[in-house]
């Protein structure tokens, strides 16, 4: 089975299994830290694609 990539910004894709942490800021931005140490800043609209992969309402 192929893994799905997330297009978080136009032309910018990430592999969900490389996400180390997701932090929601009070300013309605989302900071995603990847396993490479790279941090990706997303606005609320761009962050909606994360909900396709992760269950934020029942995380455990």
PDB file of N, CA and C in Angstrom:
ATOM      1  N   UNK A   1       0.831  -1.169   0.000  1.00  0.00           N
ATOM      2  CA  UNK A   1       0.000   0.000   0.000  1.00  0.00           C
ATOM      3  C   UNK A   1       0.887   1.247   0.000  1.00  0.00           C
ATOM      4  N   UNK A   2       0.574   2.191  -0.846  1.00  0.00           N
ATOM      5  CA  UNK A   2       1.345   3.419  -0.931  1.00  0.00           C
ATOM      6  C   UNK A   2       0.948   4.370   0.192  1.00  0.00           C
ATOM      7  N   UNK A   3       1.956   5.081   0.714  1.00  0.00           N
ATOM      8  CA  UNK A   3       1.667   6.101   1.718  1.00  0.00           C
ATOM      9  C   UNK A   3       1.210   7.366   1.021  1.00  0.00           C
ATOM     10  N   UNK A   4       0.275   8.043   1.633  1.00  0.00           N
ATOM     11  CA  UNK A   4      -0.223   9.290   1.069  1.00  0.00           C
ATOM     12  C   UNK A   4       0.620  10.448   1.579  1.00  0.00           C
ATOM     13  N   UNK A   5       0.917  11.369   0.695  1.00  0.00           N
ATOM     14  CA  UNK A   5       1.607  12.592   1.070  1.00  0.00           C
ATOM     15  C   UNK A   5       0.572  13.683   1.278  1.00  0.00           C
ATOM     16  N   UNK A   6       0.872  14.599   2.162  1.00  0.00           N
ATOM     17  CA  UNK A   6      -0.022  15.727   2.411  1.00  0.00           C
ATOM     18  C   UNK A   6       0.515  16.949   1.686  1.00  0.00           C
ATOM     19  N   UNK A   7      -0.328  17.607   0.915  1.00  0.00           N
ATOM     20  CA  UNK A   7       0.061  18.880   0.319  1.00  0.00           C
ATOM     21  C   UNK A   7      -0.335  19.959   1.314  1.00  0.00           C
ATOM     22  N   UNK A   8       0.637  20.455   2.065  1.00  0.00           N
ATOM     23  CA  UNK A   8       0.347  21.434   3.107  1.00  0.00           C
ATOM     24  C   UNK A   8       0.378  22.862   2.577  1.00  0.00           C
ATOM     25  N   UNK A   9       1.112  23.078   1.536  1.00  0.00           N
ATOM     26  CA  UNK A   9       1.137  24.360   0.833  1.00  0.00           C
ATOM     27  C   UNK A   9       1.202  24.025  -0.645  1.00  0.00           C
ATOM     28  N   UNK A  10       0.859  24.952  -1.484  1.00  0.00           N
ATOM     29  CA  UNK A  10       0.848  24.684  -2.920  1.00  0.00           C
ATOM     30  C   UNK A  10       2.230  24.205  -3.367  1.00  0.00           C
ATOM     31  N   UNK A  11       2.285  22.966  -3.817  1.00  0.00           N
ATOM     32  CA  UNK A  11       3.537  22.385  -4.288  1.00  0.00           C
ATOM     33  C   UNK A  11       4.466  21.900  -3.188  1.00  0.00           C
ATOM     34  N   UNK A  12       4.040  21.911  -1.922  1.00  0.00           N
ATOM     35  CA  UNK A  12       4.871  21.483  -0.799  1.00  0.00           C
ATOM     36  C   UNK A  12       4.196  20.293  -0.127  1.00  0.00           C
ATOM     37  N   UNK A  13       4.823  19.135  -0.231  1.00  0.00           N
ATOM     38  CA  UNK A  13       4.248  17.897   0.291  1.00  0.00           C
ATOM     39  C   UNK A  13       5.106  17.374   1.439  1.00  0.00           C
ATOM     40  N   UNK A  14       4.454  16.758   2.425  1.00  0.00           N
ATOM     41  CA  UNK A  14       5.178  16.098   3.505  1.00  0.00           C
ATOM     42  C   UNK A  14       4.608  14.702   3.709  1.00  0.00           C
ATOM     43  N   UNK A  15       5.457  13.825   4.197  1.00  0.00           N
ATOM     44  CA  UNK A  15       5.066  12.469   4.533  1.00  0.00           C
ATOM     45  C   UNK A  15       4.571  12.491   5.981  1.00  0.00           C
ATOM     46  N   UNK A  16       3.329  12.091   6.239  1.00  0.00           N
ATOM     47  CA  UNK A  16       2.792  12.148   7.611  1.00  0.00           C
ATOM     48  C   UNK A  16       3.618  11.364   8.626  1.00  0.00           C
ATOM     49  N   UNK A  17       4.301  10.307   8.199  1.00  0.00           N
ATOM     50  CA  UNK A  17       5.089   9.522   9.154  1.00  0.00           C
ATOM     51  C   UNK A  17       6.374  10.243   9.564  1.00  0.00           C
ATOM     52  N   UNK A  18       6.714  11.349   8.924  1.00  0.00           N
ATOM     53  CA  UNK A  18       7.900  12.128   9.286  1.00  0.00           C
ATOM     54  C   UNK A  18       7.577  13.274  10.234  1.00  0.00           C
ATOM     55  N   UNK A  19       6.314  13.402  10.622  1.00  0.00           N
ATOM     56  CA  UNK A  19       5.918  14.472  11.544  1.00  0.00           C
ATOM     57  C   UNK A  19       6.247  14.048  12.970  1.00  0.00           C
ATOM     58  N   UNK A  20       7.002  14.893  13.662  1.00  0.00           N
ATOM     59  CA  UNK A  20       7.388  14.620  15.037  1.00  0.00           C
ATOM     60  C   UNK A  20       6.417  15.284  16.006  1.00  0.00           C
ATOM     61  N   UNK A  21       6.051  16.542  15.720  1.00  0.00           N
ATOM     62  CA  UNK A  21       5.115  17.235  16.599  1.00  0.00           C
ATOM     63  C   UNK A  21       4.295  18.243  15.811  1.00  0.00           C
ATOM     64  N   UNK A  22       3.120  18.529  16.349  1.00  0.00           N
ATOM     65  CA  UNK A  22       2.218  19.530  15.787  1.00  0.00           C
ATOM     66  C   UNK A  22       1.811  20.431  16.947  1.00  0.00           C
ATOM     67  N   UNK A  23       2.060  21.724  16.796  1.00  0.00           N
ATOM     68  CA  UNK A  23       1.772  22.673  17.873  1.00  0.00           C
ATOM     69  C   UNK A  23       0.860  23.770  17.351  1.00  0.00           C
ATOM     70  N   UNK A  24      -0.276  23.936  17.995  1.00  0.00           N
ATOM     71  CA  UNK A  24      -1.223  24.989  17.625  1.00  0.00           C
ATOM     72  C   UNK A  24      -0.894  26.252  18.415  1.00  0.00           C
ATOM     73  N   UNK A  25      -0.621  27.340  17.704  1.00  0.00           N
ATOM     74  CA  UNK A  25      -0.308  28.626  18.328  1.00  0.00           C
ATOM     75  C   UNK A  25      -1.608  29.383  18.605  1.00  0.00           C
ATOM     76  N   UNK A  26      -1.570  30.303  19.540  1.00  0.00           N
ATOM     77  CA  UNK A  26      -2.734  31.138  19.844  1.00  0.00           C
ATOM     78  C   UNK A  26      -3.064  32.079  18.689  1.00  0.00           C
ATOM     79  N   UNK A  27      -2.107  32.288  17.800  1.00  0.00           N
ATOM     80  CA  UNK A  27      -2.297  33.204  16.668  1.00  0.00           C
ATOM     81  C   UNK A  27      -2.916  32.502  15.465  1.00  0.00           C
ATOM     82  N   UNK A  28      -3.505  31.337  15.678  1.00  0.00           N
ATOM     83  CA  UNK A  28      -4.133  30.546  14.612  1.00  0.00           C
ATOM     84  C   UNK A  28      -3.138  30.038  13.576  1.00  0.00           C
ATOM     85  N   UNK A  29      -1.896  29.857  13.985  1.00  0.00           N
ATOM     86  CA  UNK A  29      -0.923  29.214  13.113  1.00  0.00           C
ATOM     87  C   UNK A  29      -0.556  27.866  13.713  1.00  0.00           C
ATOM     88  N   UNK A  30      -0.062  26.996  12.879  1.00  0.00           N
ATOM     89  CA  UNK A  30       0.299  25.649  13.297  1.00  0.00           C
ATOM     90  C   UNK A  30       1.765  25.436  12.950  1.00  0.00           C
ATOM     91  N   UNK A  31       2.544  24.967  13.923  1.00  0.00           N
ATOM     92  CA  UNK A  31       3.945  24.655  13.689  1.00  0.00           C
ATOM     93  C   UNK A  31       4.087  23.141  13.651  1.00  0.00           C
ATOM     94  N   UNK A  32       4.543  22.630  12.513  1.00  0.00           N
ATOM     95  CA  UNK A  32       4.758  21.200  12.338  1.00  0.00           C
ATOM     96  C   UNK A  32       6.261  20.963  12.319  1.00  0.00           C
ATOM     97  N   UNK A  33       6.747  20.097  13.209  1.00  0.00           N
ATOM     98  CA  UNK A  33       8.162  19.755  13.234  1.00  0.00           C
ATOM     99  C   UNK A  33       8.337  18.390  12.584  1.00  0.00           C
ATOM    100  N   UNK A  34       9.236  18.327  11.604  1.00  0.00           N
ATOM    101  CA  UNK A  34       9.500  17.083  10.887  1.00  0.00           C
ATOM    102  C   UNK A  34      10.700  16.369  11.497  1.00  0.00           C
ATOM    103  N   UNK A  35      10.869  15.098  11.169  1.00  0.00           N
ATOM    104  CA  UNK A  35      11.969  14.307  11.709  1.00  0.00           C
ATOM    105  C   UNK A  35      13.330  14.857  11.302  1.00  0.00           C
ATOM    106  N   UNK A  36      13.386  15.661  10.264  1.00  0.00           N
ATOM    107  CA  UNK A  36      14.642  16.282   9.824  1.00  0.00           C
ATOM    108  C   UNK A  36      14.991  17.505  10.656  1.00  0.00           C
ATOM    109  N   UNK A  37      14.084  17.934  11.533  1.00  0.00           N
ATOM    110  CA  UNK A  37      14.285  19.129  12.337  1.00  0.00           C
ATOM    111  C   UNK A  37      13.686  20.370  11.700  1.00  0.00           C
ATOM    112  N   UNK A  38      13.251  20.248  10.456  1.00  0.00           N
ATOM    113  CA  UNK A  38      12.642  21.376   9.754  1.00  0.00           C
ATOM    114  C   UNK A  38      11.295  21.700  10.389  1.00  0.00           C
ATOM    115  N   UNK A  39      11.027  22.982  10.543  1.00  0.00           N
ATOM    116  CA  UNK A  39       9.735  23.433  11.067  1.00  0.00           C
ATOM    117  C   UNK A  39       8.958  24.075   9.929  1.00  0.00           C
ATOM    118  N   UNK A  40       7.701  23.675   9.797  1.00  0.00           N
ATOM    119  CA  UNK A  40       6.826  24.198   8.756  1.00  0.00           C
ATOM    120  C   UNK A  40       5.705  24.956   9.447  1.00  0.00           C
ATOM    121  N   UNK A  41       5.525  26.220   9.081  1.00  0.00           N
ATOM    122  CA  UNK A  41       4.454  27.041   9.647  1.00  0.00           C
ATOM    123  C   UNK A  41       3.273  27.042   8.692  1.00  0.00           C
ATOM    124  N   UNK A  42       2.102  26.735   9.224  1.00  0.00           N
ATOM    125  CA  UNK A  42       0.883  26.682   8.425  1.00  0.00           C
ATOM    126  C   UNK A  42      -0.158  27.603   9.032  1.00  0.00           C
ATOM    127  N   UNK A  43      -0.998  28.178   8.191  1.00  0.00           N
ATOM    128  CA  UNK A  43      -2.140  28.904   8.735  1.00  0.00           C
ATOM    129  C   UNK A  43      -3.247  27.881   8.987  1.00  0.00           C
ATOM    130  N   UNK A  44      -4.330  28.301   9.579  1.00  0.00           N
ATOM    131  CA  UNK A  44      -5.409  27.365   9.956  1.00  0.00           C
ATOM    132  C   UNK A  44      -5.955  26.620   8.744  1.00  0.00           C
ATOM    133  N   UNK A  45      -6.132  27.319   7.644  1.00  0.00           N
ATOM    134  CA  UNK A  45      -6.676  26.695   6.435  1.00  0.00           C
ATOM    135  C   UNK A  45      -5.726  25.632   5.879  1.00  0.00           C
ATOM    136  N   UNK A  46      -4.431  25.932   5.870  1.00  0.00           N
ATOM    137  CA  UNK A  46      -3.446  24.964   5.381  1.00  0.00           C
ATOM    138  C   UNK A  46      -3.364  23.751   6.304  1.00  0.00           C
ATOM    139  N   UNK A  47      -3.612  23.956   7.592  1.00  0.00           N
ATOM    140  CA  UNK A  47      -3.521  22.874   8.559  1.00  0.00           C
ATOM    141  C   UNK A  47      -4.680  21.896   8.516  1.00  0.00           C
ATOM    142  N   UNK A  48      -5.733  22.222   7.795  1.00  0.00           N
ATOM    143  CA  UNK A  48      -6.886  21.319   7.724  1.00  0.00           C
ATOM    144  C   UNK A  48      -6.524  19.968   7.120  1.00  0.00           C
ATOM    145  N   UNK A  49      -5.521  19.924   6.258  1.00  0.00           N
ATOM    146  CA  UNK A  49      -5.130  18.652   5.648  1.00  0.00           C
ATOM    147  C   UNK A  49      -4.594  17.676   6.693  1.00  0.00           C
ATOM    148  N   UNK A  50      -4.110  18.182   7.823  1.00  0.00           N
ATOM    149  CA  UNK A  50      -3.613  17.303   8.877  1.00  0.00           C
ATOM    150  C   UNK A  50      -4.737  16.475   9.488  1.00  0.00           C
ATOM    151  N   UNK A  51      -5.947  17.014   9.475  1.00  0.00           N
ATOM    152  CA  UNK A  51      -7.087  16.300  10.048  1.00  0.00           C
ATOM    153  C   UNK A  51      -7.499  15.100   9.202  1.00  0.00           C
ATOM    154  N   UNK A  52      -7.007  15.018   7.970  1.00  0.00           N
ATOM    155  CA  UNK A  52      -7.278  13.851   7.135  1.00  0.00           C
ATOM    156  C   UNK A  52      -6.485  12.640   7.601  1.00  0.00           C
ATOM    157  N   UNK A  53      -5.389  12.881   8.318  1.00  0.00           N
ATOM    158  CA  UNK A  53      -4.497  11.801   8.738  1.00  0.00           C
ATOM    159  C   UNK A  53      -4.560  11.552  10.238  1.00  0.00           C
ATOM    160  N   UNK A  54      -4.675  12.618  11.029  1.00  0.00           N
ATOM    161  CA  UNK A  54      -4.604  12.502  12.481  1.00  0.00           C
ATOM    162  C   UNK A  54      -5.951  12.810  13.118  1.00  0.00           C
ATOM    163  N   UNK A  55      -6.262  12.093  14.194  1.00  0.00           N
ATOM    164  CA  UNK A  55      -7.496  12.315  14.945  1.00  0.00           C
ATOM    165  C   UNK A  55      -7.172  13.210  16.140  1.00  0.00           C
ATOM    166  N   UNK A  56      -7.435  14.505  16.003  1.00  0.00           N
ATOM    167  CA  UNK A  56      -7.116  15.453  17.062  1.00  0.00           C
ATOM    168  C   UNK A  56      -8.160  15.450  18.175  1.00  0.00           C
ATOM    169  N   UNK A  57      -9.339  14.921  17.913  1.00  0.00           N
ATOM    170  CA  UNK A  57     -10.398  14.900  18.922  1.00  0.00           C
ATOM    171  C   UNK A  57     -10.205  13.745  19.903  1.00  0.00           C
ATOM    172  N   UNK A  58      -9.650  12.638  19.439  1.00  0.00           N
ATOM    173  CA  UNK A  58      -9.353  11.474  20.283  1.00  0.00           C
ATOM    174  C   UNK A  58      -7.923  11.026  20.000  1.00  0.00           C
ATOM    175  N   UNK A  59      -6.927  11.770  20.486  1.00  0.00           N
ATOM    176  CA  UNK A  59      -5.544  11.490  20.108  1.00  0.00           C
ATOM    177  C   UNK A  59      -4.966  10.200  20.684  1.00  0.00           C
ATOM    178  N   UNK A  60      -5.549   9.688  21.769  1.00  0.00           N
ATOM    179  CA  UNK A  60      -4.971   8.485  22.380  1.00  0.00           C
ATOM    180  C   UNK A  60      -5.948   7.357  22.396  1.00  0.00           C
TER     181      UNK A  60
END
